[in-house]
Amino acid sequence: MQLSDRERAILDFERSWWQHPGAKEELIRQHLGLSPTRYYQVLAALVDRADAYAHDPLVVRRLRRRRDRRRAGAAGDRTIEPNRR
């Protein structure tokens, strides 16, 4: 499967959004014409795609690490400790 122009634009934006002044959410709307919610949905779906990795391996690896840390933290938060008597 090949990336669409929009998917490439999202990966390119994720690589460089911090270089622009303003809040990321507003930049998403201005540069991509997407709501932040939709942007993050598409970005999350791109993380595991080989064609996204081929387009920008650094961004995809960074996003995968962030996702994995978030998942590991969430799993640790749900651990139930036994009652101590």
PDB file of N, CA and C in Angstrom:
ATOM      1  N   MET A   1       0.839  -1.180   0.000  1.00  0.00           N
ATOM      2  CA  MET A   1       0.000   0.000   0.000  1.00  0.00           C
ATOM      3  C   MET A   1       0.889   1.251   0.000  1.00  0.00           C
ATOM      4  N   GLN A   2       0.475   2.250  -0.703  1.00  0.00           N
ATOM      5  CA  GLN A   2       1.252   3.479  -0.810  1.00  0.00           C
ATOM      6  C   GLN A   2       0.579   4.597  -0.023  1.00  0.00           C
ATOM      7  N   LEU A   3       1.385   5.467   0.547  1.00  0.00           N
ATOM      8  CA  LEU A   3       0.852   6.599   1.304  1.00  0.00           C
ATOM      9  C   LEU A   3       0.136   7.580   0.381  1.00  0.00           C
ATOM     10  N   SER A   4      -0.951   8.129   0.892  1.00  0.00           N
ATOM     11  CA  SER A   4      -1.639   9.189   0.158  1.00  0.00           C
ATOM     12  C   SER A   4      -0.904  10.508   0.388  1.00  0.00           C
ATOM     13  N   ASP A   5      -1.250  11.497  -0.391  1.00  0.00           N
ATOM     14  CA  ASP A   5      -0.648  12.822  -0.196  1.00  0.00           C
ATOM     15  C   ASP A   5      -0.935  13.338   1.206  1.00  0.00           C
ATOM     16  N   ARG A   6      -2.148  13.118   1.686  1.00  0.00           N
ATOM     17  CA  ARG A   6      -2.516  13.586   3.027  1.00  0.00           C
ATOM     18  C   ARG A   6      -1.694  12.874   4.088  1.00  0.00           C
ATOM     19  N   GLU A   7      -1.501  11.559   3.947  1.00  0.00           N
ATOM     20  CA  GLU A   7      -0.719  10.813   4.930  1.00  0.00           C
ATOM     21  C   GLU A   7       0.736  11.269   4.933  1.00  0.00           C
ATOM     22  N   ARG A   8       1.296  11.516   3.771  1.00  0.00           N
ATOM     23  CA  ARG A   8       2.671  12.047   3.710  1.00  0.00           C
ATOM     24  C   ARG A   8       2.739  13.431   4.357  1.00  0.00           C
ATOM     25  N   ALA A   9       1.728  14.252   4.107  1.00  0.00           N
ATOM     26  CA  ALA A   9       1.693  15.589   4.705  1.00  0.00           C
ATOM     27  C   ALA A   9       1.611  15.507   6.230  1.00  0.00           C
ATOM     28  N   ILE A  10       0.875  14.548   6.734  1.00  0.00           N
ATOM     29  CA  ILE A  10       0.759  14.382   8.190  1.00  0.00           C
ATOM     30  C   ILE A  10       2.105  13.979   8.781  1.00  0.00           C
ATOM     31  N   LEU A  11       2.785  13.033   8.163  1.00  0.00           N
ATOM     32  CA  LEU A  11       4.103  12.639   8.662  1.00  0.00           C
ATOM     33  C   LEU A  11       5.104  13.786   8.565  1.00  0.00           C
ATOM     34  N   ASP A  12       5.060  14.518   7.473  1.00  0.00           N
ATOM     35  CA  ASP A  12       5.957  15.666   7.305  1.00  0.00           C
ATOM     36  C   ASP A  12       5.658  16.733   8.350  1.00  0.00           C
ATOM     37  N   PHE A  13       4.388  16.963   8.611  1.00  0.00           N
ATOM     38  CA  PHE A  13       3.999  17.948   9.625  1.00  0.00           C
ATOM     39  C   PHE A  13       4.492  17.506  11.002  1.00  0.00           C
ATOM     40  N   GLU A  14       4.320  16.225  11.327  1.00  0.00           N
ATOM     41  CA  GLU A  14       4.741  15.716  12.635  1.00  0.00           C
ATOM     42  C   GLU A  14       6.248  15.871  12.819  1.00  0.00           C
ATOM     43  N   ARG A  15       6.996  15.784  11.747  1.00  0.00           N
ATOM     44  CA  ARG A  15       8.447  15.943  11.815  1.00  0.00           C
ATOM     45  C   ARG A  15       8.841  17.373  12.172  1.00  0.00           C
ATOM     46  N   SER A  16       8.048  18.364  11.720  1.00  0.00           N
ATOM     47  CA  SER A  16       8.542  19.742  11.820  1.00  0.00           C
ATOM     48  C   SER A  16       7.579  20.752  12.450  1.00  0.00           C
ATOM     49  N   TRP A  17       6.473  20.329  13.016  1.00  0.00           N
ATOM     50  CA  TRP A  17       5.489  21.285  13.521  1.00  0.00           C
ATOM     51  C   TRP A  17       6.074  22.214  14.572  1.00  0.00           C
ATOM     52  N   TRP A  18       7.004  21.731  15.358  1.00  0.00           N
ATOM     53  CA  TRP A  18       7.545  22.507  16.477  1.00  0.00           C
ATOM     54  C   TRP A  18       8.368  23.708  15.999  1.00  0.00           C
ATOM     55  N   GLN A  19       8.720  23.744  14.722  1.00  0.00           N
ATOM     56  CA  GLN A  19       9.491  24.864  14.189  1.00  0.00           C
ATOM     57  C   GLN A  19       8.610  26.084  13.891  1.00  0.00           C
ATOM     58  N   HIS A  20       7.306  25.908  13.967  1.00  0.00           N
ATOM     59  CA  HIS A  20       6.370  26.994  13.665  1.00  0.00           C
ATOM     60  C   HIS A  20       5.811  27.569  14.958  1.00  0.00           C
ATOM     61  N   PRO A  21       5.616  28.871  15.011  1.00  0.00           N
ATOM     62  CA  PRO A  21       5.040  29.456  16.226  1.00  0.00           C
ATOM     63  C   PRO A  21       3.565  29.109  16.335  1.00  0.00           C
ATOM     64  N   GLY A  22       3.127  28.921  17.554  1.00  0.00           N
ATOM     65  CA  GLY A  22       1.711  28.665  17.795  1.00  0.00           C
ATOM     66  C   GLY A  22       1.461  27.296  18.382  1.00  0.00           C
ATOM     67  N   ALA A  23       0.225  27.096  18.811  1.00  0.00           N
ATOM     68  CA  ALA A  23      -0.176  25.830  19.398  1.00  0.00           C
ATOM     69  C   ALA A  23      -0.291  24.763  18.311  1.00  0.00           C
ATOM     70  N   LYS A  24       0.104  23.562  18.646  1.00  0.00           N
ATOM     71  CA  LYS A  24       0.092  22.472  17.673  1.00  0.00           C
ATOM     72  C   LYS A  24      -1.318  22.252  17.117  1.00  0.00           C
ATOM     73  N   GLU A  25      -2.321  22.305  17.980  1.00  0.00           N
ATOM     74  CA  GLU A  25      -3.693  22.065  17.542  1.00  0.00           C
ATOM     75  C   GLU A  25      -4.127  23.069  16.481  1.00  0.00           C
ATOM     76  N   GLU A  26      -3.753  24.307  16.670  1.00  0.00           N
ATOM     77  CA  GLU A  26      -4.108  25.340  15.686  1.00  0.00           C
ATOM     78  C   GLU A  26      -3.320  25.151  14.389  1.00  0.00           C
ATOM     79  N   LEU A  27      -2.066  24.761  14.510  1.00  0.00           N
ATOM     80  CA  LEU A  27      -1.248  24.493  13.320  1.00  0.00           C
ATOM     81  C   LEU A  27      -1.809  23.327  12.509  1.00  0.00           C
ATOM     82  N   ILE A  28      -2.324  22.324  13.197  1.00  0.00           N
ATOM     83  CA  ILE A  28      -2.948  21.188  12.512  1.00  0.00           C
ATOM     84  C   ILE A  28      -4.106  21.679  11.654  1.00  0.00           C
ATOM     85  N   ARG A  29      -4.938  22.513  12.236  1.00  0.00           N
ATOM     86  CA  ARG A  29      -6.082  23.046  11.492  1.00  0.00           C
ATOM     87  C   ARG A  29      -5.627  23.894  10.303  1.00  0.00           C
ATOM     88  N   GLN A  30      -4.645  24.761  10.530  1.00  0.00           N
ATOM     89  CA  GLN A  30      -4.179  25.668   9.482  1.00  0.00           C
ATOM     90  C   GLN A  30      -3.472  24.941   8.346  1.00  0.00           C
ATOM     91  N   HIS A  31      -2.561  24.048   8.693  1.00  0.00           N
ATOM     92  CA  HIS A  31      -1.712  23.420   7.679  1.00  0.00           C
ATOM     93  C   HIS A  31      -2.357  22.215   7.005  1.00  0.00           C
ATOM     94  N   LEU A  32      -3.200  21.500   7.747  1.00  0.00           N
ATOM     95  CA  LEU A  32      -3.740  20.253   7.208  1.00  0.00           C
ATOM     96  C   LEU A  32      -5.252  20.266   6.998  1.00  0.00           C
ATOM     97  N   GLY A  33      -5.929  21.239   7.610  1.00  0.00           N
ATOM     98  CA  GLY A  33      -7.377  21.299   7.478  1.00  0.00           C
ATOM     99  C   GLY A  33      -8.091  20.166   8.186  1.00  0.00           C
ATOM    100  N   LEU A  34      -7.476  19.636   9.233  1.00  0.00           N
ATOM    101  CA  LEU A  34      -8.053  18.545  10.005  1.00  0.00           C
ATOM    102  C   LEU A  34      -8.295  18.996  11.435  1.00  0.00           C
ATOM    103  N   SER A  35      -9.234  18.345  12.089  1.00  0.00           N
ATOM    104  CA  SER A  35      -9.365  18.557  13.523  1.00  0.00           C
ATOM    105  C   SER A  35      -8.201  17.823  14.192  1.00  0.00           C
ATOM    106  N   PRO A  36      -7.764  18.280  15.348  1.00  0.00           N
ATOM    107  CA  PRO A  36      -6.689  17.567  16.040  1.00  0.00           C
ATOM    108  C   PRO A  36      -7.048  16.105  16.317  1.00  0.00           C
ATOM    109  N   THR A  37      -8.296  15.833  16.636  1.00  0.00           N
ATOM    110  CA  THR A  37      -8.717  14.455  16.896  1.00  0.00           C
ATOM    111  C   THR A  37      -8.488  13.577  15.671  1.00  0.00           C
ATOM    112  N   ARG A  38      -8.917  14.049  14.513  1.00  0.00           N
ATOM    113  CA  ARG A  38      -8.746  13.273  13.288  1.00  0.00           C
ATOM    114  C   ARG A  38      -7.268  13.118  12.941  1.00  0.00           C
ATOM    115  N   TYR A  39      -6.492  14.165  13.145  1.00  0.00           N
ATOM    116  CA  TYR A  39      -5.052  14.121  12.901  1.00  0.00           C
ATOM    117  C   TYR A  39      -4.415  12.996  13.710  1.00  0.00           C
ATOM    118  N   TYR A  40      -4.714  12.942  14.999  1.00  0.00           N
ATOM    119  CA  TYR A  40      -4.106  11.920  15.858  1.00  0.00           C
ATOM    120  C   TYR A  40      -4.619  10.525  15.514  1.00  0.00           C
ATOM    121  N   GLN A  41      -5.856  10.394  15.054  1.00  0.00           N
ATOM    122  CA  GLN A  41      -6.369   9.099  14.615  1.00  0.00           C
ATOM    123  C   GLN A  41      -5.590   8.596  13.409  1.00  0.00           C
ATOM    124  N   VAL A  42      -5.407   9.455  12.425  1.00  0.00           N
ATOM    125  CA  VAL A  42      -4.669   9.065  11.216  1.00  0.00           C
ATOM    126  C   VAL A  42      -3.214   8.774  11.568  1.00  0.00           C
ATOM    127  N   LEU A  43      -2.621   9.606  12.393  1.00  0.00           N
ATOM    128  CA  LEU A  43      -1.223   9.413  12.791  1.00  0.00           C
ATOM    129  C   LEU A  43      -1.048   8.076  13.508  1.00  0.00           C
ATOM    130  N   ALA A  44      -1.964   7.742  14.390  1.00  0.00           N
ATOM    131  CA  ALA A  44      -1.885   6.462  15.117  1.00  0.00           C
ATOM    132  C   ALA A  44      -1.975   5.284  14.161  1.00  0.00           C
ATOM    133  N   ALA A  45      -2.797   5.396  13.139  1.00  0.00           N
ATOM    134  CA  ALA A  45      -2.929   4.316  12.161  1.00  0.00           C
ATOM    135  C   ALA A  45      -1.673   4.186  11.299  1.00  0.00           C
ATOM    136  N   LEU A  46      -0.977   5.275  11.088  1.00  0.00           N
ATOM    137  CA  LEU A  46       0.227   5.257  10.252  1.00  0.00           C
ATOM    138  C   LEU A  46       1.421   4.607  10.937  1.00  0.00           C
ATOM    139  N   VAL A  47       1.451   4.612  12.240  1.00  0.00           N
ATOM    140  CA  VAL A  47       2.633   4.190  12.997  1.00  0.00           C
ATOM    141  C   VAL A  47       3.098   2.780  12.645  1.00  0.00           C
ATOM    142  N   ASP A  48       2.189   1.884  12.361  1.00  0.00           N
ATOM    143  CA  ASP A  48       2.574   0.498  12.102  1.00  0.00           C
ATOM    144  C   ASP A  48       2.656   0.146  10.622  1.00  0.00           C
ATOM    145  N   ARG A  49       2.536   1.124   9.781  1.00  0.00           N
ATOM    146  CA  ARG A  49       2.578   0.847   8.335  1.00  0.00           C
ATOM    147  C   ARG A  49       4.006   0.923   7.802  1.00  0.00           C
ATOM    148  N   ALA A  50       4.375  -0.085   7.034  1.00  0.00           N
ATOM    149  CA  ALA A  50       5.727  -0.148   6.457  1.00  0.00           C
ATOM    150  C   ALA A  50       5.987   1.017   5.512  1.00  0.00           C
ATOM    151  N   ASP A  51       4.972   1.438   4.772  1.00  0.00           N
ATOM    152  CA  ASP A  51       5.183   2.548   3.855  1.00  0.00           C
ATOM    153  C   ASP A  51       5.395   3.864   4.594  1.00  0.00           C
ATOM    154  N   ALA A  52       4.797   4.018   5.760  1.00  0.00           N
ATOM    155  CA  ALA A  52       5.047   5.212   6.579  1.00  0.00           C
ATOM    156  C   ALA A  52       6.483   5.178   7.099  1.00  0.00           C
ATOM    157  N   TYR A  53       6.917   3.999   7.527  1.00  0.00           N
ATOM    158  CA  TYR A  53       8.296   3.847   7.993  1.00  0.00           C
ATOM    159  C   TYR A  53       9.285   4.152   6.876  1.00  0.00           C
ATOM    160  N   ALA A  54       8.990   3.701   5.687  1.00  0.00           N
ATOM    161  CA  ALA A  54       9.869   3.966   4.546  1.00  0.00           C
ATOM    162  C   ALA A  54       9.928   5.462   4.229  1.00  0.00           C
ATOM    163  N   HIS A  55       8.819   6.153   4.406  1.00  0.00           N
ATOM    164  CA  HIS A  55       8.765   7.590   4.118  1.00  0.00           C
ATOM    165  C   HIS A  55       9.566   8.398   5.138  1.00  0.00           C
ATOM    166  N   ASP A  56       9.414   8.071   6.428  1.00  0.00           N
ATOM    167  CA  ASP A  56      10.109   8.836   7.471  1.00  0.00           C
ATOM    168  C   ASP A  56      10.384   7.940   8.675  1.00  0.00           C
ATOM    169  N   PRO A  57      11.446   7.144   8.611  1.00  0.00           N
ATOM    170  CA  PRO A  57      11.722   6.202   9.701  1.00  0.00           C
ATOM    171  C   PRO A  57      11.958   6.864  11.052  1.00  0.00           C
ATOM    172  N   LEU A  58      12.563   8.028  11.085  1.00  0.00           N
ATOM    173  CA  LEU A  58      12.825   8.687  12.366  1.00  0.00           C
ATOM    174  C   LEU A  58      11.533   9.068  13.078  1.00  0.00           C
ATOM    175  N   VAL A  59      10.607   9.651  12.358  1.00  0.00           N
ATOM    176  CA  VAL A  59       9.329  10.049  12.958  1.00  0.00           C
ATOM    177  C   VAL A  59       8.551   8.814  13.403  1.00  0.00           C
ATOM    178  N   VAL A  60       8.506   7.802  12.562  1.00  0.00           N
ATOM    179  CA  VAL A  60       7.735   6.605  12.900  1.00  0.00           C
ATOM    180  C   VAL A  60       8.334   5.903  14.116  1.00  0.00           C
ATOM    181  N   ARG A  61       9.652   5.794  14.187  1.00  0.00           N
ATOM    182  CA  ARG A  61      10.277   5.177  15.368  1.00  0.00           C
ATOM    183  C   ARG A  61       9.984   5.987  16.632  1.00  0.00           C
ATOM    184  N   ARG A  62      10.050   7.311  16.525  1.00  0.00           N
ATOM    185  CA  ARG A  62       9.753   8.159  17.688  1.00  0.00           C
ATOM    186  C   ARG A  62       8.314   7.953  18.150  1.00  0.00           C
ATOM    187  N   LEU A  63       7.391   7.910  17.202  1.00  0.00           N
ATOM    188  CA  LEU A  63       5.983   7.709  17.550  1.00  0.00           C
ATOM    189  C   LEU A  63       5.740   6.323  18.148  1.00  0.00           C
ATOM    190  N   ARG A  64       6.415   5.318  17.636  1.00  0.00           N
ATOM    191  CA  ARG A  64       6.282   3.974  18.191  1.00  0.00           C
ATOM    192  C   ARG A  64       6.805   3.919  19.622  1.00  0.00           C
ATOM    193  N   ARG A  65       7.954   4.547  19.868  1.00  0.00           N
ATOM    194  CA  ARG A  65       8.501   4.568  21.225  1.00  0.00           C
ATOM    195  C   ARG A  65       7.548   5.271  22.183  1.00  0.00           C
ATOM    196  N   ARG A  66       6.990   6.400  21.749  1.00  0.00           N
ATOM    197  CA  ARG A  66       6.052   7.144  22.587  1.00  0.00           C
ATOM    198  C   ARG A  66       4.818   6.288  22.892  1.00  0.00           C
ATOM    199  N   ARG A  67       4.280   5.633  21.869  1.00  0.00           N
ATOM    200  CA  ARG A  67       3.114   4.768  22.055  1.00  0.00           C
ATOM    201  C   ARG A  67       3.438   3.629  23.020  1.00  0.00           C
ATOM    202  N   ASP A  68       4.594   3.005  22.828  1.00  0.00           N
ATOM    203  CA  ASP A  68       4.968   1.878  23.676  1.00  0.00           C
ATOM    204  C   ASP A  68       5.163   2.306  25.129  1.00  0.00           C
ATOM    205  N   ARG A  69       5.765   3.468  25.358  1.00  0.00           N
ATOM    206  CA  ARG A  69       5.919   3.980  26.723  1.00  0.00           C
ATOM    207  C   ARG A  69       4.564   4.260  27.353  1.00  0.00           C
ATOM    208  N   ARG A  70       3.662   4.836  26.570  1.00  0.00           N
ATOM    209  CA  ARG A  70       2.325   5.146  27.065  1.00  0.00           C
ATOM    210  C   ARG A  70       1.584   3.861  27.443  1.00  0.00           C
ATOM    211  N   ARG A  71       1.688   2.844  26.588  1.00  0.00           N
ATOM    212  CA  ARG A  71       1.037   1.563  26.868  1.00  0.00           C
ATOM    213  C   ARG A  71       1.629   0.896  28.103  1.00  0.00           C
ATOM    214  N   ALA A  72       2.947   0.933  28.219  1.00  0.00           N
ATOM    215  CA  ALA A  72       3.597   0.319  29.377  1.00  0.00           C
ATOM    216  C   ALA A  72       3.197   1.035  30.657  1.00  0.00           C
ATOM    217  N   GLY A  73       3.111   2.352  30.600  1.00  0.00           N
ATOM    218  CA  GLY A  73       2.688   3.117  31.772  1.00  0.00           C
ATOM    219  C   GLY A  73       1.249   2.834  32.149  1.00  0.00           C
ATOM    220  N   ALA A  74       0.389   2.716  31.154  1.00  0.00           N
ATOM    221  CA  ALA A  74      -1.022   2.434  31.416  1.00  0.00           C
ATOM    222  C   ALA A  74      -1.184   1.037  32.001  1.00  0.00           C
ATOM    223  N   ALA A  75      -0.418   0.079  31.522  1.00  0.00           N
ATOM    224  CA  ALA A  75      -0.505  -1.283  32.046  1.00  0.00           C
ATOM    225  C   ALA A  75      -0.027  -1.321  33.492  1.00  0.00           C
ATOM    226  N   GLY A  76       1.011  -0.553  33.791  1.00  0.00           N
ATOM    227  CA  GLY A  76       1.519  -0.503  35.156  1.00  0.00           C
ATOM    228  C   GLY A  76       0.548   0.154  36.106  1.00  0.00           C
ATOM    229  N   ASP A  77      -0.210   1.113  35.627  1.00  0.00           N
ATOM    230  CA  ASP A  77      -1.182   1.800  36.472  1.00  0.00           C
ATOM    231  C   ASP A  77      -2.346   0.903  36.852  1.00  0.00           C
ATOM    232  N   ARG A  78      -2.633  -0.109  36.042  1.00  0.00           N
ATOM    233  CA  ARG A  78      -3.781  -0.966  36.302  1.00  0.00           C
ATOM    234  C   ARG A  78      -3.431  -2.158  37.183  1.00  0.00           C
ATOM    235  N   THR A  79      -2.172  -2.298  37.518  1.00  0.00           N
ATOM    236  CA  THR A  79      -1.767  -3.426  38.347  1.00  0.00           C
ATOM    237  C   THR A  79      -2.397  -3.260  39.721  1.00  0.00           C
ATOM    238  N   ILE A  80      -3.052  -4.307  40.160  1.00  0.00           N
ATOM    239  CA  ILE A  80      -3.716  -4.277  41.477  1.00  0.00           C
ATOM    240  C   ILE A  80      -2.803  -4.949  42.474  1.00  0.00           C
ATOM    241  N   GLU A  81      -2.490  -4.217  43.507  1.00  0.00           N
ATOM    242  CA  GLU A  81      -1.646  -4.792  44.545  1.00  0.00           C
ATOM    243  C   GLU A  81      -2.523  -5.584  45.511  1.00  0.00           C
ATOM    244  N   PRO A  82      -2.021  -6.695  45.999  1.00  0.00           N
ATOM    245  CA  PRO A  82      -2.806  -7.480  46.943  1.00  0.00           C
ATOM    246  C   PRO A  82      -3.002  -6.727  48.244  1.00  0.00           C
ATOM    247  N   ASN A  83      -4.111  -7.020  48.910  1.00  0.00           N
ATOM    248  CA  ASN A  83      -4.367  -6.394  50.206  1.00  0.00           C
ATOM    249  C   ASN A  83      -3.354  -6.888  51.222  1.00  0.00           C
ATOM    250  N   ARG A  84      -2.881  -5.992  52.019  1.00  0.00           N
ATOM    251  CA  ARG A  84      -1.916  -6.357  53.062  1.00  0.00           C
ATOM    252  C   ARG A  84      -2.631  -6.300  54.403  1.00  0.00           C
ATOM    253  N   ARG A  85      -2.566  -7.385  55.129  1.00  0.00           N
ATOM    254  CA  ARG A  85      -3.243  -7.439  56.436  1.00  0.00           C
ATOM    255  C   ARG A  85      -2.265  -7.699  57.527  1.00  0.00           C
TER     256      ARG A  85
END
